[in-house]
N, C-alpha and C. Protein backbone atom coordinates (compact mmCIF):
# COMPACT_ATOMS: atom_id res chain seq x y z
N MET A 1 76.83 -46.65 -14.47
CA MET A 1 75.92 -47.49 -15.25
C MET A 1 75.14 -46.62 -16.23
N SER A 2 75.06 -47.07 -17.47
CA SER A 2 74.30 -46.39 -18.50
C SER A 2 73.00 -47.18 -18.71
N ARG A 3 72.09 -46.62 -19.49
CA ARG A 3 70.83 -47.32 -19.73
C ARG A 3 70.30 -46.94 -21.10
N ILE A 4 69.37 -47.78 -21.60
CA ILE A 4 68.62 -47.45 -22.81
C ILE A 4 67.53 -46.46 -22.39
N ILE A 5 67.46 -45.34 -23.07
CA ILE A 5 66.56 -44.27 -22.65
C ILE A 5 65.12 -44.50 -23.11
N ALA A 6 64.94 -44.95 -24.34
CA ALA A 6 63.59 -45.08 -24.89
C ALA A 6 63.54 -46.19 -25.93
N GLY A 7 62.33 -46.47 -26.38
CA GLY A 7 62.15 -47.50 -27.40
C GLY A 7 61.79 -48.83 -26.79
N ALA A 8 61.89 -49.88 -27.60
CA ALA A 8 61.45 -51.22 -27.20
C ALA A 8 62.23 -51.78 -26.03
N ALA A 9 63.46 -51.32 -25.83
CA ALA A 9 64.28 -51.81 -24.71
C ALA A 9 64.52 -50.73 -23.67
N GLY A 10 63.65 -49.71 -23.64
CA GLY A 10 63.80 -48.60 -22.71
C GLY A 10 63.95 -49.07 -21.27
N GLY A 11 64.93 -48.51 -20.56
CA GLY A 11 65.17 -48.85 -19.17
C GLY A 11 66.21 -49.93 -18.95
N VAL A 12 66.60 -50.65 -19.98
CA VAL A 12 67.61 -51.70 -19.83
C VAL A 12 68.93 -51.07 -19.41
N ARG A 13 69.54 -51.63 -18.37
CA ARG A 13 70.83 -51.14 -17.90
C ARG A 13 71.94 -51.75 -18.73
N LEU A 14 72.94 -50.94 -19.05
CA LEU A 14 74.04 -51.38 -19.90
C LEU A 14 75.34 -51.40 -19.10
N ALA A 15 76.15 -52.41 -19.36
CA ALA A 15 77.46 -52.50 -18.73
C ALA A 15 78.39 -51.47 -19.35
N LEU A 16 79.36 -51.01 -18.59
CA LEU A 16 80.38 -50.07 -19.07
C LEU A 16 81.69 -50.82 -19.28
N VAL A 17 82.53 -50.28 -20.13
CA VAL A 17 83.83 -50.90 -20.40
C VAL A 17 84.77 -50.56 -19.25
N PRO A 18 85.41 -51.57 -18.64
CA PRO A 18 86.34 -51.27 -17.55
C PRO A 18 87.59 -50.56 -18.08
N GLY A 19 88.21 -49.77 -17.22
CA GLY A 19 89.43 -49.07 -17.60
C GLY A 19 89.13 -47.73 -18.22
N ASP A 20 90.17 -47.09 -18.76
CA ASP A 20 90.00 -45.74 -19.30
C ASP A 20 90.29 -45.67 -20.79
N ASN A 21 90.14 -46.80 -21.49
CA ASN A 21 90.35 -46.81 -22.94
C ASN A 21 89.15 -46.26 -23.72
N THR A 22 88.01 -46.15 -23.07
CA THR A 22 86.82 -45.61 -23.72
C THR A 22 86.26 -44.46 -22.89
N ARG A 23 85.44 -43.63 -23.55
CA ARG A 23 84.80 -42.50 -22.89
C ARG A 23 83.31 -42.57 -23.23
N PRO A 24 82.50 -43.07 -22.29
CA PRO A 24 81.08 -43.26 -22.61
C PRO A 24 80.35 -41.94 -22.87
N THR A 25 79.43 -41.97 -23.82
CA THR A 25 78.53 -40.83 -24.04
C THR A 25 77.53 -40.80 -22.89
N THR A 26 77.41 -39.69 -22.21
CA THR A 26 76.52 -39.62 -21.06
C THR A 26 75.06 -39.76 -21.50
N ASP A 27 74.22 -40.20 -20.56
CA ASP A 27 72.80 -40.34 -20.87
C ASP A 27 72.19 -39.00 -21.28
N ARG A 28 72.66 -37.89 -20.67
CA ARG A 28 72.12 -36.57 -21.00
C ARG A 28 72.43 -36.21 -22.46
N VAL A 29 73.67 -36.46 -22.89
CA VAL A 29 74.05 -36.19 -24.27
C VAL A 29 73.30 -37.13 -25.21
N LYS A 30 73.20 -38.40 -24.81
CA LYS A 30 72.51 -39.39 -25.64
C LYS A 30 71.04 -39.02 -25.82
N GLU A 31 70.41 -38.53 -24.76
CA GLU A 31 69.00 -38.13 -24.84
C GLU A 31 68.81 -36.99 -25.83
N SER A 32 69.68 -35.99 -25.76
CA SER A 32 69.61 -34.85 -26.69
C SER A 32 69.86 -35.32 -28.13
N LEU A 33 70.87 -36.16 -28.30
CA LEU A 33 71.22 -36.68 -29.62
C LEU A 33 70.04 -37.41 -30.25
N PHE A 34 69.44 -38.32 -29.51
CA PHE A 34 68.37 -39.13 -30.10
C PHE A 34 67.07 -38.36 -30.26
N SER A 35 66.83 -37.36 -29.43
CA SER A 35 65.67 -36.49 -29.66
C SER A 35 65.81 -35.78 -31.00
N LYS A 36 67.02 -35.30 -31.28
CA LYS A 36 67.27 -34.61 -32.55
C LYS A 36 67.11 -35.57 -33.72
N LEU A 37 67.68 -36.77 -33.61
CA LEU A 37 67.58 -37.74 -34.70
C LEU A 37 66.13 -38.16 -34.95
N GLU A 38 65.35 -38.31 -33.89
CA GLU A 38 63.93 -38.66 -34.07
C GLU A 38 63.17 -37.51 -34.71
N SER A 39 63.57 -36.28 -34.42
CA SER A 39 62.90 -35.13 -35.06
C SER A 39 63.17 -35.11 -36.56
N TYR A 40 64.30 -35.71 -36.98
CA TYR A 40 64.62 -35.82 -38.41
C TYR A 40 64.04 -37.10 -39.02
N ASP A 41 63.35 -37.92 -38.20
CA ASP A 41 62.77 -39.18 -38.66
C ASP A 41 63.84 -40.10 -39.27
N LEU A 42 64.96 -40.21 -38.56
CA LEU A 42 66.11 -40.94 -39.08
C LEU A 42 66.27 -42.36 -38.54
N LEU A 43 65.52 -42.73 -37.51
CA LEU A 43 65.84 -43.97 -36.81
C LEU A 43 65.09 -45.19 -37.31
N ALA A 44 63.81 -45.06 -37.59
CA ALA A 44 63.02 -46.23 -37.99
C ALA A 44 63.54 -46.79 -39.30
N GLY A 45 63.96 -48.05 -39.25
CA GLY A 45 64.44 -48.74 -40.45
C GLY A 45 65.83 -48.35 -40.89
N ALA A 46 66.56 -47.59 -40.08
CA ALA A 46 67.88 -47.09 -40.47
C ALA A 46 68.94 -48.19 -40.47
N ARG A 47 69.89 -48.05 -41.39
CA ARG A 47 71.10 -48.87 -41.40
C ARG A 47 72.17 -48.05 -40.70
N VAL A 48 72.61 -48.52 -39.52
CA VAL A 48 73.43 -47.73 -38.61
C VAL A 48 74.83 -48.32 -38.50
N LEU A 49 75.83 -47.43 -38.51
CA LEU A 49 77.21 -47.80 -38.22
C LEU A 49 77.68 -46.99 -37.03
N ASP A 50 78.18 -47.67 -36.00
CA ASP A 50 78.81 -47.01 -34.87
C ASP A 50 80.30 -47.33 -34.96
N ALA A 51 81.08 -46.37 -35.43
CA ALA A 51 82.47 -46.62 -35.81
C ALA A 51 83.42 -46.79 -34.62
N PHE A 52 83.04 -46.27 -33.46
CA PHE A 52 83.85 -46.40 -32.25
C PHE A 52 82.89 -46.80 -31.13
N GLY A 53 82.47 -48.04 -31.12
CA GLY A 53 81.32 -48.48 -30.33
C GLY A 53 81.45 -48.38 -28.83
N GLY A 54 82.66 -48.58 -28.28
CA GLY A 54 82.81 -48.54 -26.82
C GLY A 54 81.93 -49.60 -26.17
N SER A 55 81.02 -49.19 -25.30
CA SER A 55 80.10 -50.13 -24.65
C SER A 55 78.95 -50.53 -25.56
N GLY A 56 78.79 -49.83 -26.68
CA GLY A 56 77.67 -50.10 -27.58
C GLY A 56 76.41 -49.35 -27.22
N ALA A 57 76.51 -48.42 -26.27
CA ALA A 57 75.31 -47.73 -25.78
C ALA A 57 74.58 -46.96 -26.87
N VAL A 58 75.31 -46.28 -27.75
CA VAL A 58 74.67 -45.48 -28.79
C VAL A 58 74.03 -46.39 -29.84
N GLY A 59 74.76 -47.40 -30.29
CA GLY A 59 74.19 -48.35 -31.25
C GLY A 59 73.00 -49.10 -30.70
N CYS A 60 73.08 -49.47 -29.41
CA CYS A 60 71.95 -50.18 -28.77
C CYS A 60 70.73 -49.27 -28.65
N GLU A 61 70.95 -47.99 -28.39
CA GLU A 61 69.84 -47.03 -28.33
C GLU A 61 69.16 -46.94 -29.69
N ALA A 62 69.97 -46.90 -30.76
CA ALA A 62 69.39 -46.87 -32.12
C ALA A 62 68.59 -48.14 -32.38
N LEU A 63 69.10 -49.27 -31.96
CA LEU A 63 68.39 -50.55 -32.12
C LEU A 63 67.06 -50.52 -31.39
N SER A 64 67.07 -50.05 -30.14
CA SER A 64 65.85 -49.99 -29.34
C SER A 64 64.80 -49.09 -29.99
N ARG A 65 65.26 -48.07 -30.73
CA ARG A 65 64.34 -47.10 -31.32
C ARG A 65 63.99 -47.41 -32.77
N GLY A 66 64.31 -48.62 -33.23
CA GLY A 66 63.77 -49.04 -34.52
C GLY A 66 64.72 -49.17 -35.67
N ALA A 67 66.03 -49.08 -35.45
CA ALA A 67 66.99 -49.26 -36.54
C ALA A 67 66.85 -50.67 -37.12
N ALA A 68 66.99 -50.78 -38.43
CA ALA A 68 66.88 -52.09 -39.10
C ALA A 68 68.15 -52.91 -38.94
N SER A 69 69.31 -52.24 -38.94
CA SER A 69 70.57 -52.94 -38.75
C SER A 69 71.55 -52.02 -38.05
N VAL A 70 72.40 -52.62 -37.22
CA VAL A 70 73.40 -51.87 -36.48
C VAL A 70 74.71 -52.64 -36.55
N THR A 71 75.77 -51.95 -36.97
CA THR A 71 77.11 -52.51 -36.95
C THR A 71 77.94 -51.71 -35.96
N LEU A 72 78.50 -52.41 -34.98
CA LEU A 72 79.28 -51.79 -33.92
C LEU A 72 80.74 -52.20 -34.07
N LEU A 73 81.63 -51.22 -34.11
CA LEU A 73 83.05 -51.48 -34.27
C LEU A 73 83.83 -50.99 -33.05
N ASP A 74 84.85 -51.72 -32.66
CA ASP A 74 85.83 -51.22 -31.71
C ASP A 74 87.05 -52.11 -31.82
N ILE A 75 88.21 -51.52 -31.62
CA ILE A 75 89.44 -52.28 -31.71
C ILE A 75 89.86 -52.84 -30.36
N TYR A 76 89.27 -52.33 -29.29
CA TYR A 76 89.65 -52.68 -27.92
C TYR A 76 88.90 -53.95 -27.49
N PRO A 77 89.60 -55.05 -27.17
CA PRO A 77 88.93 -56.33 -26.87
C PRO A 77 87.90 -56.25 -25.74
N LYS A 78 88.21 -55.52 -24.67
CA LYS A 78 87.25 -55.43 -23.55
C LYS A 78 85.97 -54.72 -23.99
N ALA A 79 86.11 -53.73 -24.87
CA ALA A 79 84.92 -53.04 -25.37
C ALA A 79 84.06 -53.99 -26.20
N VAL A 80 84.68 -54.81 -27.03
CA VAL A 80 83.92 -55.75 -27.86
C VAL A 80 83.16 -56.73 -26.99
N THR A 81 83.78 -57.22 -25.93
CA THR A 81 83.10 -58.14 -25.00
C THR A 81 81.88 -57.48 -24.37
N VAL A 82 82.04 -56.23 -23.92
CA VAL A 82 80.93 -55.50 -23.29
C VAL A 82 79.83 -55.20 -24.31
N MET A 83 80.22 -54.81 -25.53
CA MET A 83 79.23 -54.55 -26.58
C MET A 83 78.36 -55.78 -26.82
N ARG A 84 79.00 -56.93 -26.95
CA ARG A 84 78.24 -58.17 -27.20
C ARG A 84 77.24 -58.44 -26.08
N ARG A 85 77.68 -58.24 -24.83
CA ARG A 85 76.80 -58.47 -23.68
C ARG A 85 75.62 -57.48 -23.71
N ASN A 86 75.90 -56.21 -24.02
CA ASN A 86 74.83 -55.21 -24.05
C ASN A 86 73.86 -55.45 -25.21
N VAL A 87 74.36 -55.82 -26.37
CA VAL A 87 73.48 -56.13 -27.50
C VAL A 87 72.56 -57.29 -27.14
N GLU A 88 73.11 -58.30 -26.50
CA GLU A 88 72.30 -59.46 -26.10
C GLU A 88 71.20 -59.04 -25.13
N ALA A 89 71.54 -58.17 -24.15
CA ALA A 89 70.54 -57.71 -23.18
C ALA A 89 69.44 -56.91 -23.85
N VAL A 90 69.81 -56.06 -24.79
CA VAL A 90 68.81 -55.24 -25.49
C VAL A 90 67.92 -56.11 -26.36
N GLN A 91 68.50 -57.04 -27.11
CA GLN A 91 67.69 -57.90 -27.95
C GLN A 91 66.75 -58.77 -27.11
N LYS A 92 67.23 -59.23 -25.97
CA LYS A 92 66.37 -60.03 -25.07
C LYS A 92 65.19 -59.19 -24.59
N ALA A 93 65.46 -57.94 -24.20
CA ALA A 93 64.39 -57.05 -23.73
C ALA A 93 63.38 -56.76 -24.84
N MET A 94 63.86 -56.78 -26.09
CA MET A 94 62.98 -56.53 -27.23
C MET A 94 62.25 -57.79 -27.66
N GLY A 95 62.54 -58.92 -26.99
CA GLY A 95 61.89 -60.18 -27.33
C GLY A 95 62.38 -60.75 -28.65
N ARG A 96 63.64 -60.45 -28.96
CA ARG A 96 64.21 -60.92 -30.23
C ARG A 96 65.42 -61.79 -29.94
N PRO A 97 65.58 -62.85 -30.72
CA PRO A 97 66.76 -63.69 -30.53
C PRO A 97 68.01 -62.96 -30.98
N ALA A 98 69.14 -63.28 -30.37
CA ALA A 98 70.41 -62.67 -30.77
C ALA A 98 70.80 -63.15 -32.15
N GLY A 99 71.60 -62.33 -32.84
CA GLY A 99 72.14 -62.74 -34.13
C GLY A 99 71.29 -62.41 -35.32
N GLY A 100 70.15 -61.75 -35.11
CA GLY A 100 69.35 -61.32 -36.25
C GLY A 100 68.40 -62.36 -36.79
N ALA A 101 68.24 -63.47 -36.10
CA ALA A 101 67.34 -64.52 -36.59
C ALA A 101 65.89 -64.18 -36.27
N GLY A 102 64.99 -64.83 -36.97
CA GLY A 102 63.57 -64.71 -36.67
C GLY A 102 63.01 -63.31 -36.83
N GLY A 103 63.53 -62.57 -37.81
CA GLY A 103 63.00 -61.24 -38.06
C GLY A 103 63.59 -60.15 -37.18
N ALA A 104 64.57 -60.52 -36.36
CA ALA A 104 65.20 -59.52 -35.51
C ALA A 104 66.07 -58.59 -36.35
N SER A 105 66.32 -57.42 -35.81
CA SER A 105 67.24 -56.51 -36.48
C SER A 105 68.60 -57.17 -36.57
N ALA A 106 69.28 -56.92 -37.66
CA ALA A 106 70.62 -57.48 -37.84
C ALA A 106 71.62 -56.63 -37.06
N VAL A 107 72.33 -57.26 -36.14
CA VAL A 107 73.33 -56.57 -35.34
C VAL A 107 74.65 -57.31 -35.48
N ARG A 108 75.70 -56.53 -35.79
CA ARG A 108 77.03 -57.13 -35.88
C ARG A 108 77.96 -56.35 -34.96
N VAL A 109 78.75 -57.09 -34.20
CA VAL A 109 79.78 -56.51 -33.33
C VAL A 109 81.11 -57.02 -33.84
N LEU A 110 81.99 -56.09 -34.24
CA LEU A 110 83.25 -56.48 -34.86
C LEU A 110 84.42 -55.82 -34.15
N GLN A 111 85.45 -56.63 -33.89
CA GLN A 111 86.68 -56.08 -33.35
C GLN A 111 87.57 -55.70 -34.54
N THR A 112 87.52 -54.42 -34.88
CA THR A 112 88.25 -53.95 -36.05
C THR A 112 88.46 -52.45 -35.96
N GLN A 113 89.40 -51.96 -36.73
CA GLN A 113 89.69 -50.54 -36.79
C GLN A 113 88.70 -49.88 -37.75
N ALA A 114 88.19 -48.71 -37.38
CA ALA A 114 87.09 -48.08 -38.13
C ALA A 114 87.46 -47.77 -39.57
N LEU A 115 88.60 -47.15 -39.80
CA LEU A 115 88.96 -46.74 -41.16
C LEU A 115 89.09 -47.94 -42.08
N GLY A 116 89.78 -48.98 -41.64
CA GLY A 116 89.95 -50.17 -42.46
C GLY A 116 88.62 -50.82 -42.80
N TYR A 117 87.71 -50.85 -41.82
CA TYR A 117 86.39 -51.44 -42.07
C TYR A 117 85.62 -50.62 -43.11
N VAL A 118 85.58 -49.32 -42.92
CA VAL A 118 84.82 -48.46 -43.84
C VAL A 118 85.38 -48.54 -45.25
N GLN A 119 86.69 -48.61 -45.38
CA GLN A 119 87.30 -48.68 -46.71
C GLN A 119 86.91 -49.94 -47.47
N THR A 120 86.63 -51.02 -46.76
CA THR A 120 86.32 -52.29 -47.44
C THR A 120 84.84 -52.66 -47.40
N ALA A 121 84.05 -52.06 -46.52
CA ALA A 121 82.63 -52.40 -46.40
C ALA A 121 81.83 -51.78 -47.55
N ALA A 122 80.71 -52.40 -47.85
CA ALA A 122 79.89 -51.94 -48.97
C ALA A 122 78.99 -50.76 -48.60
N GLY A 123 78.53 -50.70 -47.33
CA GLY A 123 77.51 -49.71 -47.02
C GLY A 123 76.22 -50.12 -47.73
N PRO A 124 75.32 -49.21 -48.06
CA PRO A 124 75.31 -47.82 -47.59
C PRO A 124 74.75 -47.72 -46.18
N TRP A 125 75.03 -46.60 -45.52
CA TRP A 125 74.51 -46.35 -44.18
C TRP A 125 73.64 -45.10 -44.18
N ASP A 126 72.58 -45.17 -43.37
CA ASP A 126 71.68 -44.03 -43.20
C ASP A 126 72.10 -43.14 -42.04
N LEU A 127 72.78 -43.75 -41.06
CA LEU A 127 73.16 -43.04 -39.84
C LEU A 127 74.49 -43.60 -39.36
N VAL A 128 75.46 -42.71 -39.15
CA VAL A 128 76.79 -43.13 -38.70
C VAL A 128 77.17 -42.31 -37.47
N PHE A 129 77.64 -43.01 -36.45
CA PHE A 129 78.15 -42.35 -35.24
C PHE A 129 79.67 -42.45 -35.25
N VAL A 130 80.33 -41.30 -35.12
CA VAL A 130 81.79 -41.24 -35.07
C VAL A 130 82.17 -40.57 -33.75
N ASP A 131 82.54 -41.39 -32.78
CA ASP A 131 82.84 -40.90 -31.43
C ASP A 131 84.20 -41.46 -31.00
N PRO A 132 85.28 -40.99 -31.66
CA PRO A 132 86.60 -41.52 -31.32
C PRO A 132 87.12 -40.93 -30.02
N PRO A 133 88.18 -41.52 -29.46
CA PRO A 133 88.79 -40.89 -28.28
C PRO A 133 89.16 -39.44 -28.60
N TYR A 134 89.01 -38.57 -27.61
CA TYR A 134 89.27 -37.15 -27.84
C TYR A 134 90.72 -36.90 -28.25
N VAL A 135 91.63 -37.81 -27.90
CA VAL A 135 93.03 -37.62 -28.26
C VAL A 135 93.30 -37.89 -29.74
N MET A 136 92.34 -38.48 -30.44
CA MET A 136 92.54 -38.74 -31.87
C MET A 136 92.59 -37.41 -32.63
N GLU A 137 93.62 -37.28 -33.47
CA GLU A 137 93.80 -36.05 -34.22
C GLU A 137 92.68 -35.87 -35.24
N ASN A 138 92.32 -34.61 -35.49
CA ASN A 138 91.28 -34.30 -36.47
C ASN A 138 91.63 -34.82 -37.86
N GLU A 139 92.93 -34.89 -38.17
CA GLU A 139 93.34 -35.40 -39.49
C GLU A 139 92.86 -36.82 -39.71
N ARG A 140 92.89 -37.63 -38.65
CA ARG A 140 92.43 -39.02 -38.78
C ARG A 140 90.91 -39.09 -38.94
N ILE A 141 90.21 -38.16 -38.31
CA ILE A 141 88.75 -38.11 -38.48
C ILE A 141 88.41 -37.70 -39.91
N VAL A 142 89.15 -36.72 -40.44
CA VAL A 142 88.93 -36.29 -41.82
C VAL A 142 89.14 -37.46 -42.79
N GLU A 143 90.16 -38.27 -42.53
CA GLU A 143 90.44 -39.43 -43.37
C GLU A 143 89.28 -40.43 -43.32
N LEU A 144 88.75 -40.66 -42.13
CA LEU A 144 87.60 -41.56 -41.99
C LEU A 144 86.38 -40.99 -42.71
N MET A 145 86.13 -39.69 -42.55
CA MET A 145 84.97 -39.07 -43.19
C MET A 145 85.09 -39.15 -44.71
N ARG A 146 86.29 -39.00 -45.22
CA ARG A 146 86.52 -39.10 -46.67
C ARG A 146 86.16 -40.50 -47.17
N ALA A 147 86.51 -41.53 -46.39
CA ALA A 147 86.18 -42.90 -46.76
C ALA A 147 84.68 -43.18 -46.64
N LEU A 148 84.03 -42.53 -45.67
CA LEU A 148 82.59 -42.72 -45.45
C LEU A 148 81.72 -42.10 -46.54
N THR A 149 82.14 -40.95 -47.04
CA THR A 149 81.29 -40.13 -47.91
C THR A 149 80.63 -40.91 -49.05
N PRO A 150 81.37 -41.70 -49.84
CA PRO A 150 80.72 -42.39 -50.95
C PRO A 150 79.84 -43.56 -50.51
N LYS A 151 79.85 -43.89 -49.23
CA LYS A 151 79.08 -45.03 -48.74
C LYS A 151 77.87 -44.62 -47.92
N LEU A 152 77.53 -43.34 -47.98
CA LEU A 152 76.35 -42.83 -47.27
C LEU A 152 75.14 -42.88 -48.19
N ALA A 153 74.02 -43.31 -47.65
CA ALA A 153 72.77 -43.32 -48.40
C ALA A 153 72.28 -41.88 -48.60
N PRO A 154 71.44 -41.65 -49.60
CA PRO A 154 70.84 -40.31 -49.75
C PRO A 154 70.11 -39.92 -48.46
N GLY A 155 70.33 -38.71 -48.01
CA GLY A 155 69.69 -38.23 -46.78
C GLY A 155 70.34 -38.72 -45.50
N ALA A 156 71.50 -39.37 -45.60
CA ALA A 156 72.18 -39.90 -44.42
C ALA A 156 72.69 -38.77 -43.53
N VAL A 157 72.90 -39.11 -42.26
CA VAL A 157 73.48 -38.17 -41.29
C VAL A 157 74.63 -38.87 -40.57
N VAL A 158 75.73 -38.14 -40.43
CA VAL A 158 76.86 -38.60 -39.62
C VAL A 158 76.95 -37.70 -38.40
N VAL A 159 76.97 -38.30 -37.21
CA VAL A 159 77.10 -37.55 -35.97
C VAL A 159 78.51 -37.76 -35.44
N VAL A 160 79.25 -36.67 -35.28
CA VAL A 160 80.62 -36.72 -34.81
C VAL A 160 80.69 -36.08 -33.43
N GLU A 161 81.21 -36.84 -32.47
CA GLU A 161 81.34 -36.34 -31.10
C GLU A 161 82.80 -36.01 -30.82
N ARG A 162 83.05 -34.77 -30.39
CA ARG A 162 84.40 -34.31 -30.09
C ARG A 162 84.39 -33.50 -28.80
N SER A 163 85.56 -33.20 -28.29
CA SER A 163 85.68 -32.29 -27.16
C SER A 163 85.33 -30.88 -27.62
N SER A 164 84.60 -30.16 -26.79
CA SER A 164 84.25 -28.77 -27.13
C SER A 164 85.47 -27.87 -27.12
N ARG A 165 86.59 -28.35 -26.58
CA ARG A 165 87.82 -27.55 -26.56
C ARG A 165 88.64 -27.71 -27.83
N ASP A 166 88.29 -28.71 -28.65
CA ASP A 166 89.03 -28.96 -29.88
C ASP A 166 88.45 -28.17 -31.04
N GLU A 167 89.29 -27.90 -32.01
CA GLU A 167 88.85 -27.23 -33.22
C GLU A 167 87.92 -28.15 -34.01
N GLU A 168 86.92 -27.56 -34.65
CA GLU A 168 86.01 -28.36 -35.49
C GLU A 168 86.80 -28.99 -36.64
N PRO A 169 86.57 -30.29 -36.91
CA PRO A 169 87.28 -30.91 -38.04
C PRO A 169 86.88 -30.25 -39.36
N SER A 170 87.76 -30.36 -40.33
CA SER A 170 87.45 -29.94 -41.69
C SER A 170 86.74 -31.10 -42.37
N TRP A 171 85.52 -30.90 -42.81
CA TRP A 171 84.70 -32.02 -43.27
C TRP A 171 85.08 -32.50 -44.66
N GLY A 172 85.68 -31.65 -45.46
CA GLY A 172 86.14 -32.09 -46.77
C GLY A 172 85.03 -32.06 -47.80
N GLU A 173 85.44 -32.35 -49.02
CA GLU A 173 84.52 -32.30 -50.15
C GLU A 173 83.43 -33.36 -50.01
N GLY A 174 82.20 -32.97 -50.31
CA GLY A 174 81.09 -33.91 -50.30
C GLY A 174 80.31 -33.98 -49.01
N LEU A 175 80.74 -33.24 -47.98
CA LEU A 175 80.04 -33.24 -46.70
C LEU A 175 79.77 -31.81 -46.24
N TYR A 176 78.68 -31.67 -45.49
CA TYR A 176 78.25 -30.35 -45.01
C TYR A 176 77.79 -30.48 -43.57
N ARG A 177 78.38 -29.68 -42.68
CA ARG A 177 77.93 -29.68 -41.29
C ARG A 177 76.73 -28.75 -41.18
N PHE A 178 75.56 -29.31 -40.87
CA PHE A 178 74.34 -28.50 -40.85
C PHE A 178 73.89 -28.13 -39.45
N SER A 179 74.51 -28.73 -38.43
CA SER A 179 74.12 -28.38 -37.07
C SER A 179 75.26 -28.77 -36.12
N ALA A 180 75.34 -28.07 -34.98
CA ALA A 180 76.30 -28.40 -33.93
C ALA A 180 75.66 -28.05 -32.60
N ARG A 181 75.94 -28.87 -31.61
CA ARG A 181 75.35 -28.63 -30.29
C ARG A 181 76.36 -28.96 -29.21
N GLN A 182 76.56 -28.03 -28.29
CA GLN A 182 77.51 -28.25 -27.21
C GLN A 182 76.79 -28.69 -25.95
N HIS A 183 77.37 -29.70 -25.28
CA HIS A 183 76.88 -30.20 -24.00
C HIS A 183 78.07 -30.24 -23.05
N GLY A 184 78.40 -29.11 -22.42
CA GLY A 184 79.55 -29.05 -21.53
C GLY A 184 80.83 -29.33 -22.31
N GLU A 185 81.54 -30.39 -21.92
CA GLU A 185 82.80 -30.76 -22.56
C GLU A 185 82.58 -31.40 -23.92
N THR A 186 81.36 -31.79 -24.22
CA THR A 186 81.06 -32.54 -25.44
C THR A 186 80.46 -31.65 -26.52
N MET A 187 80.95 -31.81 -27.75
CA MET A 187 80.37 -31.14 -28.90
C MET A 187 79.89 -32.19 -29.89
N LEU A 188 78.65 -32.06 -30.33
CA LEU A 188 78.10 -32.94 -31.36
C LEU A 188 77.97 -32.16 -32.66
N TYR A 189 78.56 -32.72 -33.71
CA TYR A 189 78.44 -32.15 -35.05
C TYR A 189 77.55 -33.07 -35.88
N TYR A 190 76.59 -32.47 -36.57
CA TYR A 190 75.68 -33.22 -37.45
C TYR A 190 76.06 -32.90 -38.88
N VAL A 191 76.44 -33.92 -39.62
CA VAL A 191 77.02 -33.75 -40.96
C VAL A 191 76.20 -34.59 -41.93
N GLU A 192 76.02 -34.06 -43.14
CA GLU A 192 75.28 -34.79 -44.17
C GLU A 192 75.98 -34.65 -45.51
N PRO A 193 75.68 -35.53 -46.46
CA PRO A 193 76.24 -35.37 -47.81
C PRO A 193 75.80 -34.03 -48.39
N ASP A 194 76.74 -33.35 -49.03
CA ASP A 194 76.47 -32.07 -49.66
C ASP A 194 76.01 -32.32 -51.08
N GLU A 195 74.72 -32.13 -51.32
CA GLU A 195 74.16 -32.45 -52.64
C GLU A 195 74.66 -31.52 -53.73
N ASP A 196 75.23 -30.38 -53.35
CA ASP A 196 75.73 -29.43 -54.34
C ASP A 196 77.18 -29.68 -54.76
N SER A 197 77.83 -30.63 -54.05
CA SER A 197 79.25 -30.84 -54.37
C SER A 197 79.43 -31.87 -55.47
């Protein structure tokens, strides 16, 4: 069982996706990630994209901590079902109606492939989480990052989660990795638009 660590919905327990099609971000990694993001003052009012949502735990944490909008994507039907349930639980704990009505943060849960969505969506996003299955080749991540780059807001940050045993992806033109942090098997890369490119 995972939980919301802090914010308006702190303590809410989140359902996990059954089976082994997803790999949840542990609460320990999530706590470190969001401490870093809060130190950058990135969460309040942020437009967030979670490209591989899984259970929705990372997107829901951003929502609890003040994100203005969160879009959660996953191609796996069971993950989409769990994401919707978790978003509803978080919004209820925050005293907000589901669906973004009545001044609530706008939350969308979509069953779609990340690259196709990014290629057609307008953006812009202030914060993007890219946490694909570890078996996904770095070339596919590079392709997604290339599509994301022109749709990032000024000062945006993309957080990419990979196995610490894998080679760091090549970020490509227009992006700069400014920080990396290892948590056991997990490596978090913090990437931003390169203003000099």
